């Protein structure tokens, strides 16, 4: 794809995308993308996901994210008493095709555990969560519901580059799940959803 970004645009450049960014745009570059930025455009370079080419702009090299603490720092996720809140995008039944296959639901009030937990830093073998509902939506574009999931930061495993840049996995949800909107704001759960 080829994108010309102006104003206060935000662009995630992946694979072999080409971006020309002007004004107060912000670009995240990874893969084999090519970015040409004017002097004051912020360009975050994620080399752990490829080798993008960047010309101009204010270039910020994002270090490899290898620990749960680094993941939380990158996304501005606050830890309270060793817990963080992460998000999942779901179908109307508070599950996904993969979760349904192993009997997992994320209903408000629940605290599910992964029956297939593996601490290997790859997809599979755990409950996959994102830093924001909109990030979770990128993994389940047809989602109709979003939930917030309290997890222990000590339980989190950062998934290696190539499997997803903005998700981690956990063996369990440690506090009651609650429903949120796309912006992460709590919403009232329908009566039939709460047990």
N, C-alpha and C. Protein backbone atom coordinates (compact mmCIF):
# COMPACT_ATOMS: atom_id res chain seq x y z
N UNK A 1 0.83 -1.19 0.00
CA UNK A 1 0.00 0.00 0.00
C UNK A 1 0.87 1.24 0.00
N UNK A 2 0.32 2.33 -0.44
CA UNK A 2 1.01 3.62 -0.45
C UNK A 2 0.10 4.61 0.26
N UNK A 3 0.64 5.30 1.27
CA UNK A 3 -0.16 6.23 2.07
C UNK A 3 0.53 7.58 2.10
N UNK A 4 -0.25 8.63 1.93
CA UNK A 4 0.22 9.99 2.17
C UNK A 4 -0.54 10.48 3.40
N UNK A 5 0.18 10.73 4.50
CA UNK A 5 -0.45 11.10 5.76
C UNK A 5 -0.20 12.58 6.03
N UNK A 6 -1.27 13.31 6.34
CA UNK A 6 -1.18 14.73 6.65
C UNK A 6 -1.98 15.03 7.92
N UNK A 7 -1.88 16.25 8.40
CA UNK A 7 -2.63 16.64 9.60
C UNK A 7 -2.10 15.89 10.79
N UNK A 8 -2.98 15.33 11.60
CA UNK A 8 -2.54 14.54 12.75
C UNK A 8 -2.83 13.07 12.53
N UNK A 9 -2.53 12.57 11.35
CA UNK A 9 -2.76 11.16 11.01
C UNK A 9 -1.87 10.24 11.83
N UNK A 10 -2.33 9.01 12.00
CA UNK A 10 -1.53 7.95 12.63
C UNK A 10 -1.50 6.80 11.64
N UNK A 11 -0.30 6.31 11.32
CA UNK A 11 -0.15 5.24 10.34
C UNK A 11 0.71 4.14 10.93
N UNK A 12 0.26 2.88 10.80
CA UNK A 12 1.08 1.72 11.13
C UNK A 12 1.55 1.15 9.80
N UNK A 13 2.84 1.27 9.49
CA UNK A 13 3.39 0.81 8.22
C UNK A 13 3.98 -0.58 8.39
N UNK A 14 3.36 -1.57 7.74
CA UNK A 14 3.80 -2.96 7.86
C UNK A 14 4.14 -3.50 6.48
N UNK A 15 4.77 -4.66 6.47
CA UNK A 15 5.14 -5.36 5.25
C UNK A 15 5.88 -4.41 4.32
N UNK A 16 5.46 -4.27 3.06
CA UNK A 16 6.21 -3.42 2.13
C UNK A 16 5.47 -2.12 1.85
N UNK A 17 4.79 -1.58 2.84
CA UNK A 17 4.07 -0.32 2.69
C UNK A 17 5.03 0.83 2.42
N UNK A 18 4.52 1.85 1.77
CA UNK A 18 5.28 3.09 1.54
C UNK A 18 4.45 4.23 2.10
N UNK A 19 5.05 5.03 2.99
CA UNK A 19 4.34 6.13 3.63
C UNK A 19 5.10 7.43 3.43
N UNK A 20 4.38 8.45 3.02
CA UNK A 20 4.90 9.81 3.00
C UNK A 20 4.12 10.55 4.07
N UNK A 21 4.81 11.02 5.11
CA UNK A 21 4.14 11.63 6.25
C UNK A 21 4.53 13.10 6.39
N UNK A 22 3.53 13.93 6.60
CA UNK A 22 3.73 15.37 6.72
C UNK A 22 3.02 15.90 7.97
N UNK A 23 3.29 17.16 8.30
CA UNK A 23 2.65 17.91 9.38
C UNK A 23 2.84 17.21 10.72
N UNK A 24 1.78 16.95 11.47
CA UNK A 24 1.95 16.34 12.79
C UNK A 24 1.56 14.86 12.80
N UNK A 25 1.83 14.19 11.69
CA UNK A 25 1.53 12.76 11.60
C UNK A 25 2.44 11.96 12.53
N UNK A 26 2.02 10.74 12.81
CA UNK A 26 2.81 9.80 13.61
C UNK A 26 2.82 8.49 12.86
N UNK A 27 4.00 7.88 12.70
CA UNK A 27 4.13 6.63 11.96
C UNK A 27 4.85 5.61 12.82
N UNK A 28 4.35 4.37 12.81
CA UNK A 28 5.05 3.24 13.41
C UNK A 28 5.51 2.40 12.23
N UNK A 29 6.83 2.22 12.09
CA UNK A 29 7.38 1.52 10.94
C UNK A 29 7.95 0.17 11.34
N UNK A 30 7.56 -0.87 10.61
CA UNK A 30 8.12 -2.20 10.80
C UNK A 30 8.07 -2.96 9.51
N UNK A 31 8.44 -4.23 9.56
CA UNK A 31 8.48 -5.02 8.33
C UNK A 31 9.50 -4.44 7.37
N UNK A 32 9.17 -4.43 6.09
CA UNK A 32 10.06 -3.83 5.10
C UNK A 32 9.47 -2.54 4.57
N UNK A 33 8.73 -1.84 5.44
CA UNK A 33 8.09 -0.59 5.03
C UNK A 33 9.13 0.48 4.74
N UNK A 34 8.70 1.47 3.98
CA UNK A 34 9.55 2.61 3.62
C UNK A 34 8.79 3.87 4.01
N UNK A 35 9.42 4.71 4.82
CA UNK A 35 8.77 5.93 5.31
C UNK A 35 9.62 7.14 4.94
N UNK A 36 8.96 8.13 4.35
CA UNK A 36 9.59 9.42 4.09
C UNK A 36 8.80 10.44 4.92
N UNK A 37 9.47 11.07 5.88
CA UNK A 37 8.77 11.95 6.82
C UNK A 37 9.35 13.35 6.78
N UNK A 38 8.45 14.33 6.95
CA UNK A 38 8.93 15.71 7.07
C UNK A 38 9.57 15.88 8.45
N UNK A 39 10.22 17.01 8.64
CA UNK A 39 11.11 17.25 9.78
C UNK A 39 10.51 16.95 11.15
N UNK A 40 9.24 17.27 11.40
CA UNK A 40 8.67 17.13 12.73
C UNK A 40 7.73 15.94 12.91
N UNK A 41 7.70 15.02 11.97
CA UNK A 41 6.87 13.81 12.09
C UNK A 41 7.57 12.81 13.00
N UNK A 42 6.85 12.27 13.98
CA UNK A 42 7.40 11.24 14.86
C UNK A 42 7.31 9.89 14.18
N UNK A 43 8.44 9.19 14.09
CA UNK A 43 8.47 7.86 13.48
C UNK A 43 9.05 6.88 14.49
N UNK A 44 8.20 5.96 14.96
CA UNK A 44 8.66 4.90 15.85
C UNK A 44 9.11 3.73 14.98
N UNK A 45 10.36 3.32 15.15
CA UNK A 45 10.92 2.25 14.33
C UNK A 45 10.99 0.98 15.16
N UNK A 46 10.33 -0.08 14.67
CA UNK A 46 10.26 -1.37 15.38
C UNK A 46 11.09 -2.39 14.61
N UNK A 47 12.40 -2.38 14.77
CA UNK A 47 13.29 -3.27 14.01
C UNK A 47 13.14 -4.74 14.39
N UNK A 48 12.60 -5.03 15.57
CA UNK A 48 12.41 -6.43 15.93
C UNK A 48 11.36 -7.09 15.04
N UNK A 49 10.62 -6.29 14.27
CA UNK A 49 9.60 -6.83 13.37
C UNK A 49 9.99 -6.63 11.91
N UNK A 50 11.26 -6.49 11.62
CA UNK A 50 11.71 -6.30 10.25
C UNK A 50 12.75 -5.21 10.17
N UNK A 51 13.00 -4.72 8.98
CA UNK A 51 14.01 -3.69 8.79
C UNK A 51 13.46 -2.56 7.93
N UNK A 52 12.61 -1.71 8.50
CA UNK A 52 12.05 -0.61 7.73
C UNK A 52 13.11 0.42 7.34
N UNK A 53 12.83 1.12 6.26
CA UNK A 53 13.70 2.20 5.81
C UNK A 53 12.99 3.52 6.12
N UNK A 54 13.67 4.40 6.86
CA UNK A 54 13.06 5.66 7.26
C UNK A 54 13.98 6.81 6.86
N UNK A 55 13.39 7.79 6.19
CA UNK A 55 14.11 9.00 5.83
C UNK A 55 13.39 10.19 6.45
N UNK A 56 14.14 11.02 7.21
CA UNK A 56 13.57 12.21 7.81
C UNK A 56 12.81 11.93 9.08
N UNK A 57 12.10 12.95 9.53
CA UNK A 57 11.29 12.85 10.74
C UNK A 57 12.13 12.80 12.01
N UNK A 58 11.44 12.67 13.14
CA UNK A 58 12.08 12.47 14.42
C UNK A 58 12.02 10.97 14.66
N UNK A 59 13.14 10.30 14.49
CA UNK A 59 13.18 8.84 14.52
C UNK A 59 13.40 8.33 15.94
N UNK A 60 12.53 7.43 16.36
CA UNK A 60 12.61 6.85 17.69
C UNK A 60 12.74 5.35 17.53
N UNK A 61 13.89 4.82 17.90
CA UNK A 61 14.13 3.37 17.83
C UNK A 61 13.51 2.73 19.07
N UNK A 62 12.48 1.92 18.87
CA UNK A 62 11.84 1.23 19.99
C UNK A 62 12.64 -0.03 20.28
N UNK A 63 13.13 -0.20 21.51
CA UNK A 63 13.93 -1.39 21.81
C UNK A 63 13.06 -2.64 21.77
N UNK A 64 13.68 -3.81 21.64
CA UNK A 64 12.91 -5.05 21.68
C UNK A 64 12.13 -5.14 22.99
N UNK A 65 10.89 -5.59 22.89
CA UNK A 65 10.04 -5.74 24.07
C UNK A 65 10.08 -7.22 24.46
N UNK A 66 10.78 -7.50 25.57
CA UNK A 66 11.02 -8.89 25.95
C UNK A 66 10.40 -9.28 27.29
N UNK A 67 10.05 -8.29 28.11
CA UNK A 67 9.51 -8.60 29.44
C UNK A 67 8.11 -7.98 29.58
N UNK A 68 7.31 -8.51 30.48
CA UNK A 68 6.01 -7.91 30.72
C UNK A 68 6.11 -6.44 31.14
N UNK A 69 7.12 -6.11 31.92
CA UNK A 69 7.31 -4.72 32.36
C UNK A 69 7.58 -3.81 31.16
N UNK A 70 8.42 -4.25 30.22
CA UNK A 70 8.70 -3.46 29.02
C UNK A 70 7.44 -3.30 28.17
N UNK A 71 6.64 -4.36 28.06
CA UNK A 71 5.38 -4.31 27.33
C UNK A 71 4.47 -3.25 27.95
N UNK A 72 4.34 -3.28 29.27
CA UNK A 72 3.48 -2.31 29.96
C UNK A 72 4.02 -0.89 29.81
N UNK A 73 5.33 -0.73 29.88
CA UNK A 73 5.93 0.60 29.69
C UNK A 73 5.64 1.12 28.29
N UNK A 74 5.77 0.27 27.27
CA UNK A 74 5.55 0.69 25.89
C UNK A 74 4.13 1.20 25.70
N UNK A 75 3.14 0.51 26.28
CA UNK A 75 1.74 0.86 26.06
C UNK A 75 1.15 1.73 27.18
N UNK A 76 1.96 2.13 28.15
CA UNK A 76 1.48 3.01 29.21
C UNK A 76 0.47 2.34 30.11
N UNK A 77 0.68 1.07 30.42
CA UNK A 77 -0.24 0.31 31.26
C UNK A 77 0.25 0.36 32.70
N UNK A 78 -0.58 0.90 33.58
CA UNK A 78 -0.20 1.03 34.99
C UNK A 78 -0.41 -0.29 35.72
N UNK A 79 0.55 -0.60 36.58
CA UNK A 79 0.46 -1.79 37.43
C UNK A 79 0.06 -1.34 38.83
N UNK A 80 -0.95 -2.00 39.40
CA UNK A 80 -1.40 -1.70 40.76
C UNK A 80 -1.32 -3.00 41.56
N UNK A 81 -0.46 -3.01 42.56
CA UNK A 81 -0.26 -4.20 43.39
C UNK A 81 0.07 -5.43 42.55
N UNK A 82 0.86 -5.26 41.50
CA UNK A 82 1.28 -6.38 40.67
C UNK A 82 0.26 -6.82 39.65
N UNK A 83 -0.85 -6.07 39.51
CA UNK A 83 -1.90 -6.42 38.54
C UNK A 83 -1.99 -5.36 37.46
N UNK A 84 -2.33 -5.79 36.25
CA UNK A 84 -2.60 -4.88 35.13
C UNK A 84 -3.92 -5.29 34.50
N UNK A 85 -4.54 -4.36 33.80
CA UNK A 85 -5.78 -4.65 33.09
C UNK A 85 -5.49 -4.65 31.60
N UNK A 86 -5.80 -5.79 30.95
CA UNK A 86 -5.62 -5.94 29.52
C UNK A 86 -6.98 -6.29 28.91
N UNK A 87 -7.05 -6.37 27.57
CA UNK A 87 -8.34 -6.43 26.90
C UNK A 87 -8.45 -7.56 25.89
N UNK A 88 -9.70 -7.96 25.65
CA UNK A 88 -10.01 -9.03 24.70
C UNK A 88 -11.22 -8.59 23.88
N UNK A 89 -11.17 -8.84 22.56
CA UNK A 89 -12.30 -8.59 21.66
C UNK A 89 -13.01 -9.91 21.43
N UNK A 90 -14.35 -9.90 21.53
CA UNK A 90 -15.12 -11.14 21.55
C UNK A 90 -16.36 -11.08 20.68
N UNK A 91 -16.97 -12.26 20.50
CA UNK A 91 -18.27 -12.36 19.85
C UNK A 91 -19.37 -12.09 20.87
N UNK A 92 -20.63 -12.08 20.41
CA UNK A 92 -21.76 -11.82 21.31
C UNK A 92 -21.82 -12.76 22.51
N UNK A 93 -21.30 -13.99 22.36
CA UNK A 93 -21.36 -14.96 23.46
C UNK A 93 -20.16 -14.87 24.40
N UNK A 94 -19.39 -13.78 24.31
CA UNK A 94 -18.20 -13.56 25.16
C UNK A 94 -17.12 -14.61 24.95
N UNK A 95 -16.95 -15.02 23.70
CA UNK A 95 -15.90 -15.98 23.37
C UNK A 95 -15.41 -15.69 21.95
N UNK A 96 -14.51 -16.52 21.47
CA UNK A 96 -14.03 -16.48 20.09
C UNK A 96 -14.02 -17.91 19.57
N UNK A 97 -13.81 -18.10 18.30
CA UNK A 97 -13.79 -19.45 17.73
C UNK A 97 -12.74 -20.32 18.43
N UNK A 98 -11.53 -19.80 18.60
CA UNK A 98 -10.47 -20.59 19.24
C UNK A 98 -10.77 -20.84 20.71
N UNK A 99 -11.30 -19.84 21.41
CA UNK A 99 -11.62 -20.00 22.83
C UNK A 99 -12.77 -21.00 23.01
N UNK A 100 -13.80 -20.89 22.15
CA UNK A 100 -14.92 -21.83 22.23
C UNK A 100 -14.46 -23.27 22.06
N UNK A 101 -13.49 -23.47 21.17
CA UNK A 101 -13.00 -24.82 20.89
C UNK A 101 -12.41 -25.50 22.13
N UNK A 102 -11.91 -24.71 23.09
CA UNK A 102 -11.35 -25.30 24.32
C UNK A 102 -12.19 -24.96 25.55
N UNK A 103 -13.41 -24.45 25.32
CA UNK A 103 -14.35 -24.22 26.41
C UNK A 103 -14.12 -22.95 27.23
N UNK A 104 -13.47 -21.95 26.65
CA UNK A 104 -13.21 -20.71 27.38
C UNK A 104 -14.21 -19.64 27.00
N UNK A 105 -14.78 -18.97 28.02
CA UNK A 105 -15.58 -17.77 27.80
C UNK A 105 -15.01 -16.67 28.69
N UNK A 106 -15.30 -15.44 28.31
CA UNK A 106 -14.82 -14.26 29.03
C UNK A 106 -16.02 -13.43 29.49
N UNK A 107 -16.99 -14.08 30.13
CA UNK A 107 -18.18 -13.38 30.60
C UNK A 107 -17.85 -12.46 31.77
N UNK A 108 -18.52 -11.31 31.84
CA UNK A 108 -18.31 -10.43 32.99
C UNK A 108 -18.49 -11.21 34.29
N UNK A 109 -17.56 -11.00 35.20
CA UNK A 109 -17.57 -11.69 36.49
C UNK A 109 -16.73 -12.95 36.51
N UNK A 110 -16.43 -13.53 35.34
CA UNK A 110 -15.65 -14.77 35.28
C UNK A 110 -14.16 -14.52 35.50
N UNK A 111 -13.44 -15.59 35.83
CA UNK A 111 -11.98 -15.58 35.94
C UNK A 111 -11.45 -16.86 35.27
N UNK A 112 -11.48 -16.91 33.93
CA UNK A 112 -11.08 -18.13 33.23
C UNK A 112 -9.59 -18.45 33.36
N UNK A 113 -9.29 -19.74 33.16
CA UNK A 113 -7.91 -20.22 33.11
C UNK A 113 -7.71 -20.95 31.80
N UNK A 114 -6.48 -20.91 31.29
CA UNK A 114 -6.15 -21.58 30.03
C UNK A 114 -5.91 -23.06 30.30
N UNK A 115 -6.71 -23.95 29.67
CA UNK A 115 -6.51 -25.38 29.89
C UNK A 115 -5.26 -25.90 29.18
N UNK A 116 -4.71 -25.09 28.27
CA UNK A 116 -3.57 -25.51 27.45
C UNK A 116 -2.34 -24.65 27.72
N UNK A 117 -2.20 -24.10 28.93
CA UNK A 117 -1.15 -23.12 29.21
C UNK A 117 0.25 -23.64 28.83
N UNK A 118 0.98 -22.78 28.15
CA UNK A 118 2.39 -23.01 27.84
C UNK A 118 3.08 -21.65 27.96
N UNK A 119 4.22 -21.60 28.64
CA UNK A 119 4.91 -20.33 28.78
C UNK A 119 5.86 -20.04 27.60
N UNK A 120 5.75 -20.82 26.52
CA UNK A 120 6.53 -20.54 25.31
C UNK A 120 6.06 -19.19 24.75
N UNK A 121 6.97 -18.33 24.31
CA UNK A 121 6.60 -16.98 23.86
C UNK A 121 6.06 -16.94 22.43
N UNK A 122 5.12 -17.83 22.14
CA UNK A 122 4.49 -17.90 20.82
C UNK A 122 2.98 -17.95 21.00
N UNK A 123 2.24 -17.74 19.92
CA UNK A 123 0.77 -17.84 19.99
C UNK A 123 0.36 -19.25 20.37
N UNK A 124 -0.77 -19.33 21.05
CA UNK A 124 -1.29 -20.62 21.50
C UNK A 124 -0.87 -20.86 22.93
N UNK A 125 -1.59 -21.74 23.60
CA UNK A 125 -1.24 -22.11 24.95
C UNK A 125 -1.40 -21.02 25.98
N UNK A 126 -2.55 -20.35 25.97
CA UNK A 126 -2.79 -19.31 26.96
C UNK A 126 -3.94 -18.41 26.57
N UNK A 127 -4.22 -17.45 27.43
CA UNK A 127 -5.25 -16.44 27.18
C UNK A 127 -4.55 -15.22 26.59
N UNK A 128 -4.86 -14.90 25.34
CA UNK A 128 -4.18 -13.81 24.62
C UNK A 128 -4.91 -12.49 24.86
N UNK A 129 -4.15 -11.46 25.24
CA UNK A 129 -4.72 -10.18 25.63
C UNK A 129 -3.93 -9.04 25.00
N UNK A 130 -4.60 -7.91 24.84
CA UNK A 130 -4.00 -6.73 24.21
C UNK A 130 -4.03 -5.54 25.15
N UNK A 131 -3.21 -4.50 24.86
CA UNK A 131 -3.14 -3.35 25.75
C UNK A 131 -4.36 -2.44 25.70
N UNK A 132 -5.14 -2.50 24.62
CA UNK A 132 -6.33 -1.67 24.46
C UNK A 132 -7.39 -2.48 23.70
N UNK A 133 -8.67 -2.14 23.85
CA UNK A 133 -9.70 -2.84 23.08
C UNK A 133 -9.47 -2.72 21.56
N UNK A 134 -9.05 -1.54 21.10
CA UNK A 134 -8.82 -1.37 19.66
C UNK A 134 -7.70 -2.27 19.17
N UNK A 135 -6.68 -2.50 19.99
CA UNK A 135 -5.62 -3.43 19.62
C UNK A 135 -6.16 -4.85 19.54
N UNK A 136 -7.02 -5.21 20.49
CA UNK A 136 -7.63 -6.54 20.48
C UNK A 136 -8.49 -6.74 19.24
N UNK A 137 -9.14 -5.66 18.79
CA UNK A 137 -9.99 -5.73 17.60
C UNK A 137 -9.19 -6.14 16.37
N UNK A 138 -7.91 -5.76 16.30
CA UNK A 138 -7.12 -6.13 15.13
C UNK A 138 -6.93 -7.64 15.02
N UNK A 139 -7.08 -8.37 16.13
CA UNK A 139 -6.97 -9.84 16.11
C UNK A 139 -8.32 -10.52 15.92
N UNK A 140 -9.40 -9.76 16.07
CA UNK A 140 -10.76 -10.31 15.89
C UNK A 140 -11.65 -9.20 15.31
N UNK A 141 -11.47 -8.91 13.99
CA UNK A 141 -12.14 -7.75 13.37
C UNK A 141 -13.66 -7.78 13.39
N UNK A 142 -14.27 -8.95 13.59
CA UNK A 142 -15.73 -9.02 13.62
C UNK A 142 -16.29 -8.98 15.05
N UNK A 143 -15.46 -8.64 16.00
CA UNK A 143 -15.88 -8.62 17.41
C UNK A 143 -17.04 -7.66 17.63
N UNK A 144 -17.90 -8.04 18.57
CA UNK A 144 -19.04 -7.20 18.93
C UNK A 144 -18.99 -6.77 20.40
N UNK A 145 -18.08 -7.37 21.16
CA UNK A 145 -17.94 -7.06 22.58
C UNK A 145 -16.46 -6.94 22.93
N UNK A 146 -16.19 -6.18 24.01
CA UNK A 146 -14.83 -6.03 24.53
C UNK A 146 -14.89 -6.21 26.03
N UNK A 147 -13.88 -6.87 26.58
CA UNK A 147 -13.82 -7.03 28.02
C UNK A 147 -12.45 -6.64 28.55
N UNK A 148 -12.45 -6.19 29.80
CA UNK A 148 -11.23 -5.87 30.52
C UNK A 148 -10.92 -7.04 31.44
N UNK A 149 -9.64 -7.45 31.45
CA UNK A 149 -9.23 -8.64 32.18
C UNK A 149 -8.08 -8.32 33.13
N UNK A 150 -8.30 -8.35 34.43
CA UNK A 150 -7.20 -8.16 35.37
C UNK A 150 -6.29 -9.39 35.40
N UNK A 151 -5.00 -9.16 35.22
CA UNK A 151 -4.03 -10.26 35.23
C UNK A 151 -2.82 -9.86 36.06
N UNK A 152 -2.12 -10.87 36.57
CA UNK A 152 -0.89 -10.63 37.33
C UNK A 152 0.24 -10.39 36.34
N UNK A 153 0.95 -9.29 36.52
CA UNK A 153 2.06 -8.99 35.60
C UNK A 153 3.11 -10.10 35.64
N UNK A 154 3.28 -10.75 36.78
CA UNK A 154 4.25 -11.84 36.91
C UNK A 154 3.87 -13.06 36.08
N UNK A 155 2.58 -13.19 35.74
CA UNK A 155 2.11 -14.33 34.93
C UNK A 155 2.28 -14.12 33.43
N UNK A 156 2.46 -12.88 32.99
CA UNK A 156 2.43 -12.57 31.56
C UNK A 156 3.66 -13.08 30.82
N UNK A 157 3.41 -13.50 29.58
CA UNK A 157 4.48 -13.89 28.67
C UNK A 157 4.35 -13.03 27.42
N UNK A 158 5.44 -12.33 27.06
CA UNK A 158 5.46 -11.50 25.86
C UNK A 158 5.62 -12.43 24.66
N UNK A 159 4.77 -12.26 23.68
CA UNK A 159 4.80 -13.09 22.49
C UNK A 159 5.89 -12.56 21.54
N UNK A 160 6.69 -13.47 21.00
CA UNK A 160 7.82 -13.09 20.15
C UNK A 160 7.38 -12.33 18.91
N UNK A 161 8.29 -11.48 18.38
CA UNK A 161 8.02 -10.80 17.12
C UNK A 161 7.61 -11.80 16.05
N UNK A 162 6.70 -11.39 15.21
CA UNK A 162 6.21 -12.27 14.17
C UNK A 162 4.88 -12.92 14.53
N UNK A 163 4.56 -12.98 15.82
CA UNK A 163 3.30 -13.56 16.26
C UNK A 163 2.29 -12.50 16.65
N UNK A 164 2.71 -11.28 16.79
CA UNK A 164 1.81 -10.20 17.19
C UNK A 164 2.56 -9.20 18.03
N UNK A 165 2.53 -7.96 17.61
CA UNK A 165 3.32 -6.93 18.30
C UNK A 165 2.63 -6.39 19.54
N UNK A 166 1.33 -6.49 19.59
CA UNK A 166 0.63 -5.84 20.70
C UNK A 166 -0.28 -6.82 21.43
N UNK A 167 0.31 -7.97 21.77
CA UNK A 167 -0.43 -8.90 22.62
C UNK A 167 0.54 -9.70 23.47
N UNK A 168 0.02 -10.14 24.61
CA UNK A 168 0.74 -11.01 25.53
C UNK A 168 -0.21 -12.15 25.86
N UNK A 169 0.29 -13.11 26.60
CA UNK A 169 -0.62 -14.18 27.05
C UNK A 169 -0.42 -14.44 28.52
N UNK A 170 -1.47 -14.99 29.13
CA UNK A 170 -1.47 -15.28 30.56
C UNK A 170 -2.12 -16.64 30.79
N UNK A 171 -1.79 -17.30 31.90
CA UNK A 171 -2.43 -18.58 32.19
C UNK A 171 -3.83 -18.44 32.77
N UNK A 172 -4.11 -17.25 33.33
CA UNK A 172 -5.40 -17.07 34.02
C UNK A 172 -5.73 -15.58 34.15
N UNK A 173 -7.01 -15.32 34.34
CA UNK A 173 -7.49 -13.99 34.69
C UNK A 173 -7.66 -14.02 36.21
N UNK A 174 -7.08 -13.06 36.92
CA UNK A 174 -7.05 -13.15 38.39
C UNK A 174 -8.13 -12.34 39.10
N UNK A 175 -8.82 -11.49 38.37
CA UNK A 175 -9.91 -10.72 38.97
C UNK A 175 -11.11 -10.78 38.05
N UNK A 176 -12.28 -10.40 38.53
CA UNK A 176 -13.48 -10.48 37.71
C UNK A 176 -13.37 -9.65 36.42
N UNK A 177 -13.72 -10.28 35.33
CA UNK A 177 -13.76 -9.61 34.02
C UNK A 177 -14.92 -8.61 34.04
N UNK A 178 -14.75 -7.47 33.35
CA UNK A 178 -15.87 -6.54 33.18
C UNK A 178 -15.90 -6.05 31.74
N UNK A 179 -17.11 -5.77 31.26
CA UNK A 179 -17.29 -5.35 29.87
C UNK A 179 -16.95 -3.88 29.72
N UNK A 180 -16.33 -3.55 28.56
CA UNK A 180 -15.95 -2.18 28.25
C UNK A 180 -16.34 -1.87 26.81
N UNK A 181 -16.25 -0.59 26.44
CA UNK A 181 -16.46 -0.21 25.05
C UNK A 181 -15.11 -0.16 24.34
N UNK A 182 -15.10 0.23 23.08
CA UNK A 182 -13.88 0.26 22.27
C UNK A 182 -12.81 1.17 22.88
N UNK A 183 -13.21 2.13 23.71
CA UNK A 183 -12.26 3.04 24.35
C UNK A 183 -11.81 2.54 25.73
N UNK A 184 -12.30 1.38 26.15
CA UNK A 184 -11.93 0.84 27.45
C UNK A 184 -12.76 1.34 28.60
N UNK A 185 -13.84 2.08 28.32
CA UNK A 185 -14.72 2.59 29.37
C UNK A 185 -15.73 1.50 29.77
N UNK A 186 -15.93 1.27 31.07
CA UNK A 186 -16.87 0.24 31.52
C UNK A 186 -18.29 0.50 30.98
N UNK A 187 -18.97 -0.59 30.62
CA UNK A 187 -20.36 -0.52 30.21
C UNK A 187 -21.17 -1.47 31.08
N UNK A 188 -22.44 -1.19 31.21
CA UNK A 188 -23.32 -2.06 31.99
C UNK A 188 -23.52 -3.35 31.21
N UNK A 189 -23.30 -4.48 31.85
CA UNK A 189 -23.49 -5.77 31.20
C UNK A 189 -24.96 -6.13 31.15
N UNK A 190 -25.41 -6.74 30.02
CA UNK A 190 -26.80 -7.19 29.98
C UNK A 190 -27.05 -8.21 31.09
N UNK A 191 -28.23 -8.21 31.63
CA UNK A 191 -28.56 -9.08 32.76
C UNK A 191 -28.27 -10.55 32.47
N UNK A 192 -28.53 -11.00 31.22
CA UNK A 192 -28.31 -12.42 30.89
C UNK A 192 -26.84 -12.77 30.82
N UNK A 193 -25.94 -11.76 30.71
CA UNK A 193 -24.52 -12.04 30.60
C UNK A 193 -23.87 -12.25 31.95
N UNK A 194 -24.47 -11.75 33.00
CA UNK A 194 -23.88 -11.85 34.33
C UNK A 194 -24.48 -13.06 35.05
N UNK A 195 -23.62 -13.86 35.62
CA UNK A 195 -24.09 -15.03 36.35
C UNK A 195 -24.09 -14.78 37.82
